[in-house]
Amino acid sequence: MKSKLFTHKFFVVLCISVAALLGLSFLARATIVNNRFEQMAVDEKYSLKASADGQFSIQFQDDENGNFYATVGLFRGGYYGLDDAYIPTSYDENTKITAIEKEAFSGFDCLKKVVIPNGICEIKDDAFKDSKNITEIYIAPSVNKIAKTAFDGIDNLTIYAEKGSYAEKFAVENKINYKNYTTEPENPEAKNTDYSKIRNGAYYGEYYNYDVIYDEGKPVCVITNYNPMSSEEKLEIPAHIDGLDVISIADDAINYGGAKKTVVPDTVKFIADNAFKESYSLEDIYLTKNVSYIGKSAFKDSKDLTIHAPTDSYAHTFATENKINFKATDD
């Protein structure tokens, strides 16, 4: 009798123990899953994201008091060959942008003009280092900290600052040309921005990948990659994709060795560094007077190239300076 009672009690205790272990295992797994979801949420919260105009990568972090804020981490427009930059002051209505990160604009030869509006407080080390063609940068009075190396390697820079501002003092102390201004330059990208507009896509009819950005306040298109499905020897860059003007051929976009002749439409203004990388067979490229920037290494692999463009155009000057054959297309 006692043996049966002992066996019964042992069985009950065993069942309770197994149930407890299973419960703990479930709780542990649930905790792991919850932790993973929490980590994914954290990763998403702090991951790099594109600005509303598509021209910048935005970083996110917390300050020493736990306040969430954003900074400009990279000028994506530099890889598109864009020549001006209007710094955004917010990522969304709840997240302000307060600083420009280290090397965010470093080494972009295409860049000529930068506007840093009210709301930005800090410009970090080497932020614009070696972007040697910047000639004017507007710095709002909200900026109260500029790293000494922020503008290293820029020889012809003029800082536009309000009288008595920190930026004016910085220019004087570092012997940088400066001028006073009273009206902040308007940021066209801040107006009429359609936040629902797609940021990238593919145009399969011609096998192009592209990004949609905002330039001068309207959505435009940048070709980021060309994937030919045939061995066509003539390549015609489209003037429009999905109804948007194609204004730029991005860094490393047309790395296609088959084309001997390429025609660039009059909508294109910028041709970035390495845009035609590995275009070994390219012999003739037709450019219009509207092209205002060509990266120095845009055609570095096209050894027998002739640039066809109007006399005295930017493309003409580029060909002359880089010892590339040139033929005028004037009527």
Protein backbone atom coordinates (compact mmCIF):
# COMPACT_ATOMS: atom_id res chain seq x y z
CA MET A 1 0.00 0.00 0.00
CA LYS A 2 2.78 2.36 1.00
CA SER A 3 4.69 1.40 -2.14
CA LYS A 4 1.72 2.33 -4.32
CA LEU A 5 1.24 5.62 -2.48
CA PHE A 6 4.93 6.45 -2.89
CA THR A 7 4.78 5.64 -6.59
CA HIS A 8 1.71 7.85 -7.01
CA LYS A 9 3.35 10.79 -5.20
CA PHE A 10 6.56 10.34 -7.20
CA PHE A 11 4.58 10.37 -10.43
CA VAL A 12 2.76 13.57 -9.41
CA VAL A 13 6.03 15.28 -8.45
CA LEU A 14 7.60 14.16 -11.72
CA CYS A 15 4.70 15.56 -13.75
CA ILE A 16 4.88 18.88 -11.92
CA SER A 17 8.65 19.05 -12.49
CA VAL A 18 8.31 18.30 -16.20
CA ALA A 19 5.56 20.89 -16.53
CA ALA A 20 7.70 23.44 -14.73
CA LEU A 21 10.65 22.70 -16.99
CA LEU A 22 8.48 22.98 -20.09
CA GLY A 23 7.07 26.24 -18.78
CA LEU A 24 10.53 27.63 -18.12
CA SER A 25 11.64 26.50 -21.58
CA PHE A 26 8.64 28.23 -23.16
CA LEU A 27 9.29 31.38 -21.17
CA ALA A 28 12.95 31.29 -22.15
CA ARG A 29 12.04 30.90 -25.82
CA ALA A 30 9.44 33.64 -25.56
CA THR A 31 12.00 35.88 -23.91
CA ILE A 32 14.52 35.17 -26.68
CA VAL A 33 11.89 35.93 -29.34
CA ASN A 34 10.87 39.11 -27.56
CA ASN A 35 14.50 40.14 -27.21
CA ARG A 36 15.03 39.53 -30.92
CA PHE A 37 12.03 41.65 -31.83
CA GLU A 38 13.18 44.35 -29.43
CA GLN A 39 16.67 44.26 -30.97
CA MET A 40 15.19 44.43 -34.47
CA ALA A 41 13.17 47.46 -33.39
CA VAL A 42 16.30 49.08 -31.95
CA ASP A 43 18.29 48.27 -35.10
CA GLU A 44 15.55 49.79 -37.25
CA LYS A 45 15.33 52.87 -35.04
CA TYR A 46 19.05 53.61 -35.33
CA SER A 47 19.71 52.41 -38.90
CA LEU A 48 20.79 54.79 -41.67
CA LYS A 49 17.86 56.19 -43.64
CA ALA A 50 17.49 58.42 -46.67
CA SER A 51 16.35 62.00 -46.25
CA ALA A 52 13.04 63.05 -47.79
CA ASP A 53 14.77 64.50 -50.86
CA GLY A 54 16.93 61.38 -51.30
CA GLN A 55 20.20 63.34 -51.27
CA PHE A 56 21.46 62.46 -47.77
CA SER A 57 21.91 59.47 -45.48
CA ILE A 58 20.66 60.29 -41.99
CA GLN A 59 22.11 58.80 -38.78
CA PHE A 60 20.24 58.49 -35.48
CA GLN A 61 21.46 58.47 -31.89
CA ASP A 62 20.71 59.51 -28.32
CA ASP A 63 22.41 62.35 -26.48
CA GLU A 64 23.74 62.08 -22.93
CA ASN A 65 20.28 62.87 -21.58
CA GLY A 66 18.61 60.16 -23.66
CA ASN A 67 17.09 62.52 -26.20
CA PHE A 68 16.74 61.04 -29.69
CA TYR A 69 18.17 63.12 -32.55
CA ALA A 70 19.54 62.83 -36.08
CA THR A 71 22.65 63.91 -37.99
CA VAL A 72 23.69 64.06 -41.64
CA GLY A 73 25.91 61.01 -42.11
CA LEU A 74 26.63 61.17 -45.84
CA PHE A 75 25.93 63.34 -48.88
CA ARG A 76 24.54 60.74 -51.28
CA GLY A 77 24.23 63.45 -53.91
CA GLY A 78 28.01 63.36 -54.24
CA TYR A 79 27.71 59.95 -55.90
CA TYR A 80 25.20 61.45 -58.32
CA GLY A 81 27.48 64.37 -59.24
CA LEU A 82 25.17 67.02 -57.73
CA ASP A 83 26.81 70.43 -57.38
CA ASP A 84 24.88 71.94 -54.47
CA ALA A 85 23.63 70.74 -51.10
CA TYR A 86 20.85 72.18 -48.93
CA ILE A 87 21.17 70.51 -45.54
CA PRO A 88 17.82 69.31 -44.14
CA THR A 89 16.91 70.32 -40.58
CA SER A 90 14.64 67.37 -39.78
CA TYR A 91 14.15 63.74 -40.77
CA ASP A 92 10.45 63.89 -39.94
CA GLU A 93 8.23 66.15 -37.86
CA ASN A 94 9.43 64.48 -34.65
CA THR A 95 13.16 64.13 -35.34
CA LYS A 96 15.42 67.15 -35.71
CA ILE A 97 18.77 67.07 -37.52
CA THR A 98 21.36 68.93 -35.47
CA ALA A 99 24.83 68.06 -36.81
CA ILE A 100 26.93 67.16 -39.84
CA GLU A 101 29.00 64.04 -39.19
CA LYS A 102 32.70 63.46 -39.75
CA GLU A 103 33.59 63.17 -43.49
CA ALA A 104 29.92 63.39 -44.50
CA PHE A 105 30.80 65.60 -47.50
CA SER A 106 34.45 64.69 -47.85
CA GLY A 107 36.12 64.29 -51.24
CA PHE A 108 33.25 65.27 -53.57
CA ASP A 109 34.74 67.31 -56.43
CA CYS A 110 31.28 67.96 -57.85
CA LEU A 111 30.16 70.05 -54.89
CA LYS A 112 30.26 73.85 -55.31
CA LYS A 113 27.68 75.34 -52.95
CA VAL A 114 26.40 74.30 -49.51
CA VAL A 115 23.64 75.83 -47.38
CA ILE A 116 23.57 74.99 -43.66
CA PRO A 117 20.30 76.39 -42.28
CA ASN A 118 19.11 77.32 -38.81
CA GLY A 119 18.71 74.24 -36.64
CA ILE A 120 22.12 72.74 -37.37
CA CYS A 121 24.42 73.22 -34.36
CA GLU A 122 27.65 71.37 -35.13
CA ILE A 123 29.99 70.63 -38.07
CA LYS A 124 32.31 67.76 -37.16
CA ASP A 125 35.92 66.83 -38.08
CA ASP A 126 36.75 66.69 -41.80
CA ALA A 127 33.07 67.14 -42.68
CA PHE A 128 33.90 68.84 -46.02
CA LYS A 129 37.57 67.90 -46.29
CA ASP A 130 39.00 67.78 -49.83
CA SER A 131 35.75 68.81 -51.53
CA LYS A 132 38.04 71.22 -53.28
CA ASN A 133 35.56 72.90 -55.61
CA ILE A 134 33.27 74.32 -52.92
CA THR A 135 33.38 78.09 -53.32
CA GLU A 136 30.50 79.16 -51.09
CA ILE A 137 29.03 77.80 -47.90
CA TYR A 138 26.23 79.50 -45.97
CA ILE A 139 26.33 78.84 -42.23
CA ALA A 140 23.36 79.83 -40.06
CA PRO A 141 23.82 81.46 -36.64
CA SER A 142 22.53 78.32 -34.91
CA VAL A 143 25.90 76.65 -35.63
CA ASN A 144 27.99 77.02 -32.47
CA LYS A 145 30.67 74.40 -33.02
CA ILE A 146 32.88 73.82 -36.08
CA ALA A 147 35.83 71.43 -36.07
CA LYS A 148 39.09 73.05 -37.08
CA THR A 149 39.57 70.49 -39.89
CA ALA A 150 36.01 70.78 -41.23
CA PHE A 151 37.08 72.59 -44.43
CA ASP A 152 40.64 71.32 -44.92
CA GLY A 153 41.72 71.01 -48.55
CA ILE A 154 39.35 73.70 -49.87
CA ASP A 155 41.42 76.60 -51.18
CA ASN A 156 38.84 78.98 -52.66
CA LEU A 157 36.16 78.83 -50.00
CA THR A 158 34.06 81.80 -48.89
CA ILE A 159 31.98 81.39 -45.75
CA TYR A 160 28.74 83.40 -45.71
CA ALA A 161 27.74 84.12 -42.11
CA GLU A 162 25.65 86.55 -40.11
CA LYS A 163 27.55 89.40 -38.49
CA GLY A 164 28.68 88.48 -34.98
CA SER A 165 27.93 84.79 -35.42
CA TYR A 166 30.14 81.85 -34.44
CA ALA A 167 30.74 81.07 -38.12
CA GLU A 168 32.11 84.58 -38.73
CA LYS A 169 34.45 84.20 -35.76
CA PHE A 170 35.57 80.78 -37.04
CA ALA A 171 36.34 82.22 -40.49
CA VAL A 172 38.40 85.07 -39.02
CA GLU A 173 40.38 82.81 -36.68
CA ASN A 174 41.13 80.31 -39.45
CA LYS A 175 41.85 82.93 -42.12
CA ILE A 176 39.03 81.83 -44.40
CA ASN A 177 37.36 84.38 -46.69
CA TYR A 178 33.95 85.41 -45.41
CA LYS A 179 31.05 87.68 -46.23
CA ASN A 180 28.08 88.72 -44.14
CA TYR A 181 24.54 87.93 -45.22
CA THR A 182 21.19 88.79 -43.68
CA THR A 183 18.74 86.57 -45.59
CA GLU A 184 19.18 82.81 -45.49
CA PRO A 185 19.16 81.20 -48.97
CA GLU A 186 15.93 79.38 -49.72
CA ASN A 187 15.99 75.59 -49.72
CA PRO A 188 13.96 74.45 -52.76
CA GLU A 189 13.98 70.83 -51.56
CA ALA A 190 11.97 71.84 -48.48
CA LYS A 191 8.93 72.78 -50.56
CA ASN A 192 6.34 70.55 -52.19
CA THR A 193 8.15 67.34 -51.26
CA ASP A 194 5.95 64.32 -51.91
CA TYR A 195 6.97 61.95 -49.12
CA SER A 196 5.10 59.07 -50.75
CA LYS A 197 7.24 59.23 -53.90
CA ILE A 198 9.31 56.12 -54.56
CA ARG A 199 13.02 56.41 -53.88
CA ASN A 200 14.32 53.79 -56.30
CA GLY A 201 13.19 51.30 -58.90
CA ALA A 202 13.94 49.56 -62.16
CA TYR A 203 12.99 50.43 -65.72
CA TYR A 204 12.99 47.03 -67.38
CA GLY A 205 12.28 48.27 -70.89
CA GLU A 206 15.84 49.60 -71.06
CA TYR A 207 17.24 47.63 -68.09
CA TYR A 208 18.12 50.60 -65.91
CA ASN A 209 18.13 50.83 -62.14
CA TYR A 210 17.48 54.29 -60.82
CA ASP A 211 16.93 56.48 -57.76
CA VAL A 212 14.34 59.21 -57.43
CA ILE A 213 15.57 62.32 -55.63
CA TYR A 214 14.42 65.92 -55.33
CA ASP A 215 16.38 68.62 -57.16
CA GLU A 216 15.29 72.26 -57.21
CA GLY A 217 12.07 71.24 -55.50
CA LYS A 218 10.85 68.57 -57.92
CA PRO A 219 11.30 64.79 -58.25
CA VAL A 220 13.93 63.75 -60.79
CA CYS A 221 15.72 60.58 -61.75
CA VAL A 222 19.31 59.36 -61.34
CA ILE A 223 20.51 56.31 -63.27
CA THR A 224 22.44 54.11 -60.84
CA ASN A 225 23.02 50.99 -62.94
CA TYR A 226 22.66 49.70 -66.50
CA ASN A 227 22.16 45.98 -67.11
CA PRO A 228 22.25 45.25 -70.86
CA MET A 229 20.53 42.10 -72.09
CA SER A 230 22.16 42.28 -75.52
CA SER A 231 25.41 43.36 -77.15
CA GLU A 232 24.13 46.66 -78.57
CA GLU A 233 26.96 48.86 -79.84
CA LYS A 234 24.89 52.05 -79.55
CA LEU A 235 23.55 53.14 -76.19
CA GLU A 236 20.96 55.92 -75.89
CA ILE A 237 20.47 57.14 -72.34
CA PRO A 238 16.74 57.85 -71.78
CA ALA A 239 15.72 61.45 -71.12
CA HIS A 240 12.82 60.33 -68.93
CA ILE A 241 12.02 57.32 -66.78
CA ASP A 242 8.51 56.89 -65.39
CA GLY A 243 7.76 60.47 -66.38
CA LEU A 244 10.73 61.95 -64.50
CA ASP A 245 13.67 63.81 -66.05
CA VAL A 246 16.95 61.90 -65.94
CA ILE A 247 19.41 64.50 -64.62
CA SER A 248 22.37 62.38 -63.55
CA ILE A 249 24.41 59.29 -64.35
CA ALA A 250 25.72 58.07 -61.00
CA ASP A 251 29.07 56.68 -59.89
CA ASP A 252 29.74 53.27 -61.49
CA ALA A 253 26.39 53.29 -63.31
CA ILE A 254 27.26 52.37 -66.93
CA ASN A 255 29.96 49.74 -66.44
CA TYR A 256 29.20 48.17 -69.80
CA GLY A 257 32.02 47.32 -72.18
CA GLY A 258 29.98 46.64 -75.32
CA ALA A 259 28.81 50.07 -76.48
CA LYS A 260 30.95 51.98 -78.98
CA LYS A 261 28.64 54.98 -79.17
CA THR A 262 26.61 56.60 -76.38
CA VAL A 263 24.12 59.46 -76.67
CA VAL A 264 23.33 61.44 -73.52
CA PRO A 265 20.07 63.48 -73.59
CA ASP A 266 19.79 67.18 -72.81
CA THR A 267 18.09 66.50 -69.47
CA VAL A 268 21.36 65.18 -68.01
CA LYS A 269 23.36 67.76 -66.06
CA PHE A 270 25.73 65.59 -64.02
CA ILE A 271 28.02 62.67 -64.88
CA ALA A 272 29.65 61.31 -61.74
CA ASP A 273 33.10 59.81 -61.18
CA ASN A 274 33.48 56.33 -62.72
CA ALA A 275 30.07 56.70 -64.40
CA PHE A 276 31.32 54.80 -67.49
CA LYS A 277 33.72 52.50 -65.67
CA GLU A 278 34.90 49.52 -67.75
CA SER A 279 33.41 50.97 -70.93
CA TYR A 280 36.47 49.78 -72.80
CA SER A 281 34.89 49.86 -76.27
CA LEU A 282 33.41 53.34 -75.98
CA GLU A 283 34.69 55.49 -78.85
CA ASP A 284 32.12 58.29 -79.15
CA ILE A 285 29.94 59.99 -76.57
CA TYR A 286 27.51 62.79 -77.41
CA LEU A 287 26.89 65.40 -74.71
CA THR A 288 24.83 68.59 -74.70
CA LYS A 289 25.47 72.10 -73.40
CA ASN A 290 23.38 71.28 -70.32
CA VAL A 291 26.06 69.04 -68.79
CA SER A 292 27.61 71.10 -65.99
CA TYR A 293 29.76 68.50 -64.24
CA ILE A 294 31.77 65.45 -65.30
CA GLY A 295 33.79 63.50 -62.75
CA LYS A 296 37.49 63.40 -63.59
CA SER A 297 37.52 59.59 -63.81
CA ALA A 298 34.15 59.25 -65.57
CA PHE A 299 35.71 57.83 -68.76
CA LYS A 300 39.01 56.51 -67.40
CA ASP A 301 38.70 53.10 -69.10
CA SER A 302 37.73 54.50 -72.52
CA LYS A 303 41.16 55.02 -74.04
CA ASP A 304 40.03 55.85 -77.60
CA LEU A 305 37.19 58.18 -76.68
CA THR A 306 36.02 61.24 -78.59
CA ILE A 307 33.65 63.65 -76.84
CA HIS A 308 31.09 65.27 -79.15
CA ALA A 309 29.61 68.47 -77.70
CA PRO A 310 29.01 72.17 -78.45
CA THR A 311 32.03 74.48 -78.63
CA ASP A 312 32.78 76.29 -75.36
CA SER A 313 30.50 73.99 -73.40
CA TYR A 314 31.52 72.41 -70.09
CA ALA A 315 32.09 69.12 -71.95
CA HIS A 316 34.45 70.92 -74.35
CA THR A 317 36.46 72.32 -71.44
CA PHE A 318 36.52 68.91 -69.75
CA ALA A 319 37.83 67.22 -72.90
CA THR A 320 40.56 69.84 -73.34
CA GLU A 321 41.70 69.70 -69.70
CA ASN A 322 41.80 65.91 -69.68
CA LYS A 323 43.37 65.52 -73.14
CA ILE A 324 40.40 63.67 -74.61
CA ASN A 325 39.62 63.95 -78.33
CA PHE A 326 36.88 66.48 -79.05
CA LYS A 327 34.55 67.20 -81.96
CA ALA A 328 32.18 70.15 -82.05
CA THR A 329 28.49 69.49 -82.64
CA ASP A 330 27.62 73.11 -83.47
CA ASP A 331 25.17 73.53 -86.34
